[in-house]
């Protein structure tokens, strides 16, 4: 269930039912938060992998050792 809904509690609900509703709401919130965090991490990983591939292509085409070392240093600083 991927629902965004307000949790409406009533004074007439038994204590155990109120606790169970709150527990379920917290559980759903945690699941949604974890899902969002995993998606962010996945996007970040893909961006880093694409950047690494671009750097690899750039470095493999370089013939001059000093220029190659300079590029490695610059990209290492960018990543860090």
N, C-alpha and C. Protein backbone atom coordinates (compact mmCIF):
# COMPACT_ATOMS: atom_id res chain seq x y z
N UNK A 1 0.84 -1.18 0.00
CA UNK A 1 0.00 0.00 0.00
C UNK A 1 0.88 1.24 0.00
N UNK A 2 0.69 2.05 -1.00
CA UNK A 2 1.42 3.31 -1.05
C UNK A 2 0.42 4.44 -0.96
N UNK A 3 -0.12 4.62 0.24
CA UNK A 3 -1.16 5.62 0.45
C UNK A 3 -0.65 6.73 1.35
N UNK A 4 -1.04 7.92 1.00
CA UNK A 4 -0.81 9.05 1.89
C UNK A 4 -2.17 9.42 2.47
N UNK A 5 -2.34 9.17 3.74
CA UNK A 5 -3.63 9.44 4.36
C UNK A 5 -3.40 9.93 5.78
N UNK A 6 -4.35 10.68 6.25
CA UNK A 6 -4.31 11.13 7.64
C UNK A 6 -4.77 9.99 8.53
N UNK A 7 -4.17 9.88 9.66
CA UNK A 7 -4.59 8.90 10.65
C UNK A 7 -5.55 9.60 11.59
N UNK A 8 -6.78 9.16 11.58
CA UNK A 8 -7.81 9.78 12.41
C UNK A 8 -8.10 8.86 13.58
N UNK A 9 -7.85 9.37 14.75
CA UNK A 9 -8.10 8.62 15.97
C UNK A 9 -9.29 9.23 16.69
N UNK A 10 -10.00 8.37 17.37
CA UNK A 10 -11.19 8.81 18.09
C UNK A 10 -11.02 8.52 19.58
N UNK A 11 -11.69 9.32 20.39
CA UNK A 11 -11.68 9.07 21.83
C UNK A 11 -12.42 7.78 22.17
N UNK A 12 -13.25 7.30 21.25
CA UNK A 12 -14.07 6.12 21.51
C UNK A 12 -13.32 4.81 21.22
N UNK A 13 -12.14 4.90 20.61
CA UNK A 13 -11.41 3.68 20.29
C UNK A 13 -10.80 3.08 21.55
N UNK A 14 -10.80 1.76 21.63
CA UNK A 14 -10.12 1.11 22.75
C UNK A 14 -8.63 1.40 22.70
N UNK A 15 -8.00 1.36 23.86
CA UNK A 15 -6.58 1.67 23.99
C UNK A 15 -5.73 0.79 23.07
N UNK A 16 -6.00 -0.52 23.06
CA UNK A 16 -5.19 -1.45 22.25
C UNK A 16 -5.33 -1.14 20.76
N UNK A 17 -6.51 -0.80 20.33
CA UNK A 17 -6.73 -0.48 18.91
C UNK A 17 -6.01 0.81 18.54
N UNK A 18 -6.05 1.79 19.42
CA UNK A 18 -5.33 3.04 19.18
C UNK A 18 -3.83 2.79 19.07
N UNK A 19 -3.30 1.97 19.97
CA UNK A 19 -1.87 1.64 19.93
C UNK A 19 -1.52 0.90 18.64
N UNK A 20 -2.37 -0.02 18.22
CA UNK A 20 -2.12 -0.79 17.00
C UNK A 20 -2.14 0.13 15.77
N UNK A 21 -3.08 1.04 15.72
CA UNK A 21 -3.14 2.00 14.60
C UNK A 21 -1.89 2.87 14.55
N UNK A 22 -1.44 3.34 15.72
CA UNK A 22 -0.23 4.15 15.77
C UNK A 22 0.99 3.33 15.36
N UNK A 23 1.05 2.09 15.81
CA UNK A 23 2.16 1.21 15.43
C UNK A 23 2.18 0.98 13.92
N UNK A 24 1.04 0.72 13.34
CA UNK A 24 0.97 0.49 11.89
C UNK A 24 1.36 1.75 11.12
N UNK A 25 0.93 2.91 11.61
CA UNK A 25 1.27 4.17 10.95
C UNK A 25 2.78 4.41 11.00
N UNK A 26 3.38 4.14 12.14
CA UNK A 26 4.84 4.30 12.26
C UNK A 26 5.58 3.34 11.36
N UNK A 27 5.11 2.11 11.28
CA UNK A 27 5.72 1.09 10.43
C UNK A 27 5.66 1.53 8.96
N UNK A 28 4.51 2.01 8.53
CA UNK A 28 4.36 2.47 7.15
C UNK A 28 5.27 3.67 6.87
N UNK A 29 5.40 4.57 7.84
CA UNK A 29 6.27 5.73 7.67
C UNK A 29 7.72 5.30 7.51
N UNK A 30 8.15 4.33 8.34
CA UNK A 30 9.52 3.83 8.26
C UNK A 30 9.76 3.18 6.91
N UNK A 31 8.83 2.35 6.45
CA UNK A 31 8.98 1.71 5.14
C UNK A 31 9.11 2.73 4.02
N UNK A 32 8.27 3.74 4.07
CA UNK A 32 8.31 4.77 3.04
C UNK A 32 9.62 5.55 3.09
N UNK A 33 10.09 5.86 4.29
CA UNK A 33 11.36 6.58 4.44
C UNK A 33 12.52 5.76 3.91
N UNK A 34 12.53 4.46 4.24
CA UNK A 34 13.60 3.58 3.75
C UNK A 34 13.57 3.46 2.23
N UNK A 35 12.38 3.38 1.66
CA UNK A 35 12.24 3.28 0.21
C UNK A 35 12.78 4.54 -0.47
N UNK A 36 12.47 5.70 0.09
CA UNK A 36 12.96 6.96 -0.44
C UNK A 36 14.48 7.04 -0.34
N UNK A 37 15.02 6.61 0.79
CA UNK A 37 16.48 6.65 0.99
C UNK A 37 17.19 5.70 0.02
N UNK A 38 16.63 4.51 -0.18
CA UNK A 38 17.23 3.57 -1.14
C UNK A 38 17.22 4.14 -2.55
N UNK A 39 16.14 4.81 -2.92
CA UNK A 39 16.06 5.41 -4.25
C UNK A 39 17.12 6.50 -4.41
N UNK A 40 17.32 7.31 -3.38
CA UNK A 40 18.35 8.35 -3.43
C UNK A 40 19.74 7.74 -3.58
N UNK A 41 20.00 6.68 -2.80
CA UNK A 41 21.30 6.03 -2.86
C UNK A 41 21.54 5.40 -4.23
N UNK A 42 20.49 4.80 -4.80
CA UNK A 42 20.60 4.19 -6.13
C UNK A 42 20.90 5.25 -7.18
N UNK A 43 20.22 6.38 -7.11
CA UNK A 43 20.47 7.47 -8.06
C UNK A 43 21.89 8.00 -7.93
N UNK A 44 22.34 8.16 -6.69
CA UNK A 44 23.71 8.64 -6.45
C UNK A 44 24.73 7.64 -7.00
N UNK A 45 24.49 6.36 -6.78
CA UNK A 45 25.40 5.33 -7.28
C UNK A 45 25.48 5.36 -8.80
N UNK A 46 24.34 5.50 -9.46
CA UNK A 46 24.34 5.56 -10.92
C UNK A 46 25.09 6.79 -11.43
N UNK A 47 24.92 7.91 -10.74
CA UNK A 47 25.64 9.12 -11.16
C UNK A 47 27.15 8.92 -11.01
N UNK A 48 27.57 8.32 -9.89
CA UNK A 48 29.00 8.07 -9.69
C UNK A 48 29.55 7.09 -10.72
N UNK A 49 28.79 6.05 -11.04
CA UNK A 49 29.25 5.08 -12.03
C UNK A 49 29.37 5.72 -13.41
N UNK A 50 28.41 6.55 -13.77
CA UNK A 50 28.48 7.25 -15.06
C UNK A 50 29.67 8.19 -15.10
N UNK A 51 29.90 8.90 -14.01
CA UNK A 51 31.05 9.81 -13.92
C UNK A 51 32.36 9.02 -14.03
N UNK A 52 32.43 7.88 -13.36
CA UNK A 52 33.62 7.04 -13.41
C UNK A 52 33.87 6.53 -14.83
N UNK A 53 32.80 6.15 -15.52
CA UNK A 53 32.95 5.69 -16.90
C UNK A 53 33.46 6.83 -17.79
N UNK A 54 32.92 8.03 -17.60
CA UNK A 54 33.39 9.19 -18.37
C UNK A 54 34.87 9.47 -18.10
N UNK A 55 35.26 9.39 -16.84
CA UNK A 55 36.66 9.62 -16.47
C UNK A 55 37.55 8.56 -17.11
N UNK A 56 37.11 7.31 -17.06
CA UNK A 56 37.90 6.22 -17.66
C UNK A 56 38.12 6.43 -19.14
N UNK A 57 37.08 6.84 -19.84
CA UNK A 57 37.21 7.10 -21.28
C UNK A 57 38.18 8.25 -21.52
N UNK A 58 38.04 9.31 -20.73
CA UNK A 58 38.92 10.47 -20.88
C UNK A 58 40.38 10.09 -20.61
N UNK A 59 40.61 9.30 -19.56
CA UNK A 59 41.98 8.94 -19.21
C UNK A 59 42.60 7.98 -20.22
N UNK A 60 41.79 7.09 -20.76
CA UNK A 60 42.34 6.10 -21.69
C UNK A 60 42.76 6.74 -23.02
N UNK A 61 42.24 7.92 -23.30
CA UNK A 61 42.59 8.59 -24.56
C UNK A 61 43.80 9.51 -24.41
N UNK A 62 44.31 9.65 -23.19
CA UNK A 62 45.43 10.57 -22.94
C UNK A 62 46.77 9.86 -23.14
N UNK A 63 47.65 10.49 -23.93
CA UNK A 63 48.97 9.91 -24.22
C UNK A 63 50.08 10.52 -23.37
N UNK A 64 49.92 11.76 -22.98
CA UNK A 64 50.96 12.46 -22.22
C UNK A 64 50.85 12.10 -20.74
N UNK A 65 51.93 11.59 -20.17
CA UNK A 65 51.92 11.13 -18.79
C UNK A 65 51.60 12.24 -17.80
N UNK A 66 52.19 13.42 -17.96
CA UNK A 66 51.93 14.52 -17.01
C UNK A 66 50.48 14.98 -17.08
N UNK A 67 49.94 15.06 -18.28
CA UNK A 67 48.54 15.44 -18.43
C UNK A 67 47.64 14.37 -17.81
N UNK A 68 47.99 13.11 -18.03
CA UNK A 68 47.23 12.00 -17.47
C UNK A 68 47.24 12.06 -15.94
N UNK A 69 48.40 12.28 -15.34
CA UNK A 69 48.50 12.37 -13.89
C UNK A 69 47.72 13.57 -13.34
N UNK A 70 47.77 14.69 -14.07
CA UNK A 70 47.03 15.88 -13.66
C UNK A 70 45.52 15.60 -13.68
N UNK A 71 45.06 14.92 -14.74
CA UNK A 71 43.64 14.59 -14.83
C UNK A 71 43.22 13.64 -13.71
N UNK A 72 44.07 12.65 -13.42
CA UNK A 72 43.77 11.72 -12.34
C UNK A 72 43.66 12.47 -11.02
N UNK A 73 44.58 13.38 -10.76
CA UNK A 73 44.55 14.16 -9.53
C UNK A 73 43.29 15.04 -9.46
N UNK A 74 42.97 15.73 -10.54
CA UNK A 74 41.80 16.61 -10.57
C UNK A 74 40.51 15.83 -10.34
N UNK A 75 40.37 14.72 -11.04
CA UNK A 75 39.13 13.94 -10.91
C UNK A 75 39.04 13.28 -9.53
N UNK A 76 40.18 12.88 -8.99
CA UNK A 76 40.18 12.34 -7.63
C UNK A 76 39.71 13.38 -6.62
N UNK A 77 40.18 14.62 -6.81
CA UNK A 77 39.72 15.70 -5.91
C UNK A 77 38.24 15.99 -6.10
N UNK A 78 37.78 15.93 -7.35
CA UNK A 78 36.34 16.16 -7.61
C UNK A 78 35.46 15.11 -6.94
N UNK A 79 35.90 13.86 -7.00
CA UNK A 79 35.14 12.78 -6.41
C UNK A 79 35.13 12.89 -4.89
N UNK A 80 36.32 13.21 -4.33
CA UNK A 80 36.42 13.30 -2.87
C UNK A 80 35.68 14.52 -2.37
